[in-house]
Amino acid sequence: MIQHLVRLESVTKTYIEAGKQRIVLRDVTTGFPEGQFSVILGKSGSGKSTMLNMISGIDEPNNGSIFIGETAITTLNERDKTLFRRDQLGIVFQFFNLIPTLTVLENIILPYELAGASRKDGMQRAANLLEKVGLADRQNTFPDKLSGGEQQRVAIARALVHEPKVILADEPTGNLDGDTGDRVLELLLELTRDAGRTLIMVTHNRDITPHADQVYRLSDGQLLQTEADHI
C-alpha cells in the first residue's frame, strides 16, 4: 500500500482580486507518496506556488486540512509552523534566496544552526554537501560571485543540510538556461532519491515530467493526477 507522506484533505483556497473571487484550489483531496518525486504542472498564475506555501505552512487554506506525516500543519500556531518548517522541510526557490552577506558555507549551515545544532557538525555536513554539488572549492565565496546554476546548487545543499523529510521545490530551474537547468534537476534528483526523500516540485516545464514518479496538473482549482505521456 502506498504511504502518502503529504496529504491534502478537502482543501479550498480562494482570493479576492479586483473585487472578484479567484479559486486556487477547490475542495482538493490528494496525497504525495513517501520517498517519491511528484511534479505539479500548471500555467503561470494557476496557484502552484500558493499550493506549496500552504503545504509548508507559509499560507493557509480557507477550508480543509494538510498533513505531513501525522502532523496537521493547518492546526499549528505560527510559531510551531515556523519550527516545523525549519526542522522537517527543505525548500528550494526559483530565485535562490541566498543571503548575500554570508559565504556559501555560512548560507548552507544557517538553517542547521537555527535548529540549535552544533556549528562543528553543521560545517561537516555542509562540506560534505558542497563536495556532492561540486562546489567544495567555493565555500568561502559570496553568492554574487557565483553563476545562477552555482547559486541554485548552494540552495539545494542548504535545503538538504538538516536532512528534511520533505523537499518542496518552486520552479527550481525556471531562472536557469536549459542545459544548466537540466544539470541542477539531475543533481536535485540524485541527492533526494539516494536518501529516499520525498520531493514535490511545481513547474510549468513539461520536460521535467519524464523524470517524475507522479505527475499532477493544477487547473481551474482542480488538482488531477495524470500520466507524463498524456501531457
Protein backbone atom coordinates (compact mmCIF):
# COMPACT_ATOMS: atom_id res chain seq x y z
CA MET A 1 0.00 0.00 0.00
CA ILE A 2 1.35 3.44 -0.98
CA GLN A 3 2.10 5.68 2.01
CA HIS A 4 1.28 9.33 1.39
CA LEU A 5 3.67 11.44 3.46
CA VAL A 6 1.95 14.68 2.40
CA ARG A 7 -1.85 14.74 2.29
CA LEU A 8 -4.47 17.33 1.42
CA GLU A 9 -8.00 16.72 2.65
CA SER A 10 -10.88 18.80 1.21
CA VAL A 11 -8.60 21.83 0.77
CA THR A 12 -10.08 25.02 -0.66
CA LYS A 13 -8.15 28.25 -1.23
CA THR A 14 -9.63 31.46 -2.62
CA TYR A 15 -8.54 35.06 -3.02
CA ILE A 16 -10.38 38.28 -3.71
CA GLU A 17 -8.77 40.08 -6.66
CA ALA A 18 -10.20 43.29 -8.09
CA GLY A 19 -13.43 42.64 -6.23
CA LYS A 20 -13.82 39.12 -7.67
CA GLN A 21 -13.24 35.74 -6.09
CA ARG A 22 -10.36 33.71 -7.53
CA ILE A 23 -10.33 29.99 -6.74
CA VAL A 24 -6.87 28.45 -6.43
CA LEU A 25 -7.94 25.06 -5.03
CA ARG A 26 -11.48 23.75 -4.99
CA ASP A 27 -12.13 21.02 -2.39
CA VAL A 28 -8.94 19.11 -3.28
CA THR A 29 -8.18 15.77 -1.65
CA THR A 30 -4.94 14.09 -2.72
CA GLY A 31 -1.66 12.66 -1.45
CA PHE A 32 2.01 12.63 -2.41
CA PRO A 33 3.80 9.30 -1.87
CA GLU A 34 6.66 8.99 0.57
CA GLY A 35 10.11 8.76 -0.96
CA GLN A 36 8.99 9.69 -4.48
CA PHE A 37 9.28 12.61 -6.88
CA SER A 38 5.97 14.32 -7.61
CA VAL A 39 5.59 17.10 -10.18
CA ILE A 40 2.73 19.59 -10.20
CA LEU A 41 2.26 21.25 -13.58
CA GLY A 42 0.34 24.44 -14.15
CA LYS A 43 0.38 27.70 -16.05
CA SER A 44 1.75 30.88 -14.50
CA GLY A 45 -0.85 32.19 -12.09
CA SER A 46 -2.56 28.83 -11.66
CA GLY A 47 -1.73 28.74 -7.94
CA LYS A 48 1.21 26.31 -7.91
CA SER A 49 3.35 28.42 -5.58
CA THR A 50 0.37 29.10 -3.33
CA MET A 51 -0.15 25.36 -3.00
CA LEU A 52 3.48 24.82 -1.94
CA ASN A 53 3.17 27.70 0.50
CA MET A 54 0.15 26.01 2.08
CA ILE A 55 1.98 22.68 2.37
CA SER A 56 4.85 24.47 4.10
CA GLY A 57 2.54 26.45 6.38
CA ILE A 58 3.55 29.83 4.96
CA ASP A 59 0.00 30.29 3.69
CA GLU A 60 -3.30 28.84 4.92
CA PRO A 61 -6.28 27.28 3.13
CA ASN A 62 -9.75 28.69 3.65
CA ASN A 63 -11.02 25.21 4.41
CA GLY A 64 -9.63 21.70 4.75
CA SER A 65 -6.57 20.09 6.33
CA ILE A 66 -2.98 19.49 5.24
CA PHE A 67 -0.88 16.76 6.85
CA ILE A 68 2.82 15.98 6.71
CA GLY A 69 3.17 12.58 8.30
CA GLU A 70 0.95 12.68 11.36
CA THR A 71 1.25 16.44 11.78
CA ALA A 72 -1.70 18.58 10.72
CA ILE A 73 0.08 21.72 9.52
CA THR A 74 -3.23 23.58 9.38
CA THR A 75 -3.76 23.23 13.16
CA LEU A 76 -0.38 24.61 14.26
CA ASN A 77 0.10 28.15 15.51
CA GLU A 78 2.56 30.41 13.68
CA ARG A 79 5.48 29.64 15.98
CA ASP A 80 5.00 25.89 15.69
CA LYS A 81 4.64 26.16 11.91
CA THR A 82 7.94 28.00 11.75
CA LEU A 83 9.67 25.38 13.90
CA PHE A 84 8.17 22.51 11.91
CA ARG A 85 9.20 24.11 8.62
CA ARG A 86 12.72 24.68 9.95
CA ASP A 87 13.15 21.14 11.24
CA GLN A 88 11.18 18.97 8.80
CA LEU A 89 11.12 20.73 5.42
CA GLY A 90 13.65 21.78 2.80
CA ILE A 91 12.61 24.49 0.35
CA VAL A 92 14.28 25.34 -2.98
CA PHE A 93 13.18 28.58 -4.63
CA GLN A 94 13.36 29.81 -8.22
CA PHE A 95 15.41 32.85 -7.25
CA PHE A 96 17.78 31.03 -4.84
CA ASN A 97 17.11 33.31 -1.82
CA LEU A 98 20.69 33.14 -0.61
CA ILE A 99 21.83 35.74 1.93
CA PRO A 100 24.32 37.98 0.09
CA THR A 101 26.36 38.93 3.18
CA LEU A 102 27.06 35.27 4.07
CA THR A 103 29.53 32.98 2.35
CA VAL A 104 28.45 29.81 0.58
CA LEU A 105 29.34 27.73 3.65
CA GLU A 106 27.54 30.12 6.02
CA ASN A 107 24.40 30.09 3.85
CA ILE A 108 24.28 26.31 3.96
CA ILE A 109 24.81 25.85 7.69
CA LEU A 110 22.43 28.65 8.74
CA PRO A 111 19.22 26.53 8.92
CA TYR A 112 21.13 23.81 10.76
CA GLU A 113 22.42 26.25 13.36
CA LEU A 114 19.00 27.87 13.75
CA ALA A 115 17.72 24.42 14.74
CA GLY A 116 20.17 24.50 17.67
CA ALA A 117 22.69 22.05 16.24
CA SER A 118 26.43 22.45 16.73
CA ARG A 119 28.38 24.60 14.31
CA LYS A 120 31.10 21.96 14.02
CA ASP A 121 28.59 19.31 12.93
CA GLY A 122 26.92 21.79 10.58
CA MET A 123 30.22 22.67 8.93
CA GLN A 124 30.99 18.99 8.35
CA ARG A 125 27.57 18.38 6.81
CA ALA A 126 27.87 21.50 4.67
CA ALA A 127 31.34 20.49 3.48
CA ASN A 128 30.04 17.03 2.51
CA LEU A 129 27.15 18.55 0.56
CA LEU A 130 29.42 21.06 -1.18
CA GLU A 131 31.52 18.14 -2.34
CA LYS A 132 28.41 16.43 -3.73
CA VAL A 133 27.22 19.54 -5.58
CA GLY A 134 30.68 20.20 -7.00
CA LEU A 135 31.44 23.41 -5.11
CA ALA A 136 33.92 22.27 -2.48
CA ASP A 137 36.37 24.94 -3.59
CA ARG A 138 33.83 27.79 -3.29
CA GLN A 139 32.84 27.54 0.37
CA ASN A 140 34.28 30.97 1.27
CA THR A 141 32.83 32.69 -1.81
CA PHE A 142 29.91 35.13 -1.58
CA PRO A 143 26.76 34.40 -3.65
CA ASP A 144 27.21 37.35 -6.03
CA LYS A 145 30.41 35.75 -7.34
CA LEU A 146 28.58 32.59 -8.41
CA SER A 147 26.65 31.84 -11.59
CA GLY A 148 22.92 31.17 -11.41
CA GLY A 149 23.45 27.43 -11.64
CA GLU A 150 26.06 27.53 -8.88
CA GLN A 151 23.76 29.55 -6.63
CA GLN A 152 20.98 27.03 -7.13
CA ARG A 153 23.34 24.20 -6.23
CA VAL A 154 24.14 26.04 -3.00
CA ALA A 155 20.40 26.48 -2.38
CA ILE A 156 19.88 22.73 -2.83
CA ALA A 157 22.66 21.98 -0.34
CA ARG A 158 21.07 24.44 2.12
CA ALA A 159 17.69 22.73 1.73
CA LEU A 160 19.19 19.31 2.48
CA VAL A 161 21.70 20.06 5.25
CA HIS A 162 19.26 19.27 8.08
CA GLU A 163 18.05 16.05 6.38
CA PRO A 164 14.38 17.07 5.99
CA LYS A 165 11.54 14.62 5.42
CA VAL A 166 10.12 16.63 2.53
CA ILE A 167 11.71 18.90 -0.08
CA LEU A 168 9.48 21.48 -1.75
CA ALA A 169 10.86 22.95 -4.98
CA ASP A 170 9.23 26.01 -6.55
CA GLU A 171 10.31 26.29 -10.22
CA PRO A 172 13.93 25.47 -9.24
CA THR A 173 15.12 25.52 -12.87
CA GLY A 174 12.90 28.39 -14.01
CA ASN A 175 15.60 31.05 -13.72
CA LEU A 176 18.29 28.98 -15.47
CA ASP A 177 19.14 28.24 -19.09
CA GLY A 178 18.18 24.82 -20.44
CA ASP A 179 21.48 23.00 -20.01
CA THR A 180 22.13 24.44 -16.55
CA GLY A 181 18.57 23.65 -15.50
CA ASP A 182 19.00 20.05 -16.63
CA ARG A 183 22.16 19.67 -14.56
CA VAL A 184 20.51 21.22 -11.49
CA LEU A 185 17.49 18.90 -11.85
CA GLU A 186 19.75 15.87 -12.19
CA LEU A 187 21.65 16.88 -9.06
CA LEU A 188 18.48 17.51 -7.06
CA LEU A 189 17.05 14.12 -8.02
CA GLU A 190 20.31 12.35 -7.26
CA LEU A 191 20.59 13.84 -3.77
CA THR A 192 16.95 13.27 -2.84
CA ARG A 193 16.43 9.82 -4.35
CA ASP A 194 19.64 8.45 -2.90
CA ALA A 195 18.38 9.46 0.56
CA GLY A 196 14.80 8.27 -0.03
CA ARG A 197 13.39 11.76 0.44
CA THR A 198 10.00 12.99 -0.73
CA LEU A 199 10.34 15.69 -3.40
CA ILE A 200 7.39 17.82 -4.55
CA MET A 201 8.12 20.24 -7.38
CA VAL A 202 5.86 22.79 -9.04
CA THR A 203 6.74 23.89 -12.55
CA HIS A 204 5.35 24.92 -15.91
CA ASN A 205 8.14 22.99 -17.65
CA ARG A 206 6.71 19.80 -19.16
CA ASP A 207 10.20 18.50 -19.97
CA ILE A 208 10.63 17.61 -16.29
CA THR A 209 7.71 15.17 -16.21
CA PRO A 210 9.54 12.10 -17.62
CA HIS A 211 11.75 12.16 -14.51
CA ALA A 212 8.79 12.12 -12.10
CA ASP A 213 7.16 9.22 -10.30
CA GLN A 214 3.82 11.07 -10.28
CA VAL A 215 2.55 13.97 -12.35
CA TYR A 216 -0.33 16.24 -11.36
CA ARG A 217 -1.95 19.11 -13.22
CA LEU A 218 -3.36 22.17 -11.44
CA SER A 219 -6.02 23.96 -13.47
CA ASP A 220 -9.20 25.86 -12.57
CA GLY A 221 -8.88 24.91 -8.93
CA GLN A 222 -8.61 21.18 -9.62
CA LEU A 223 -5.54 19.06 -8.96
CA LEU A 224 -5.65 15.91 -11.05
CA GLN A 225 -3.10 13.12 -11.36
CA THR A 226 -2.12 12.36 -14.94
CA GLU A 227 0.45 10.46 -16.98
CA ALA A 228 3.61 12.11 -18.33
CA ASP A 229 2.98 10.77 -21.84
CA HIS A 230 -0.55 12.24 -21.86
CA ILE A 231 0.52 15.83 -21.19
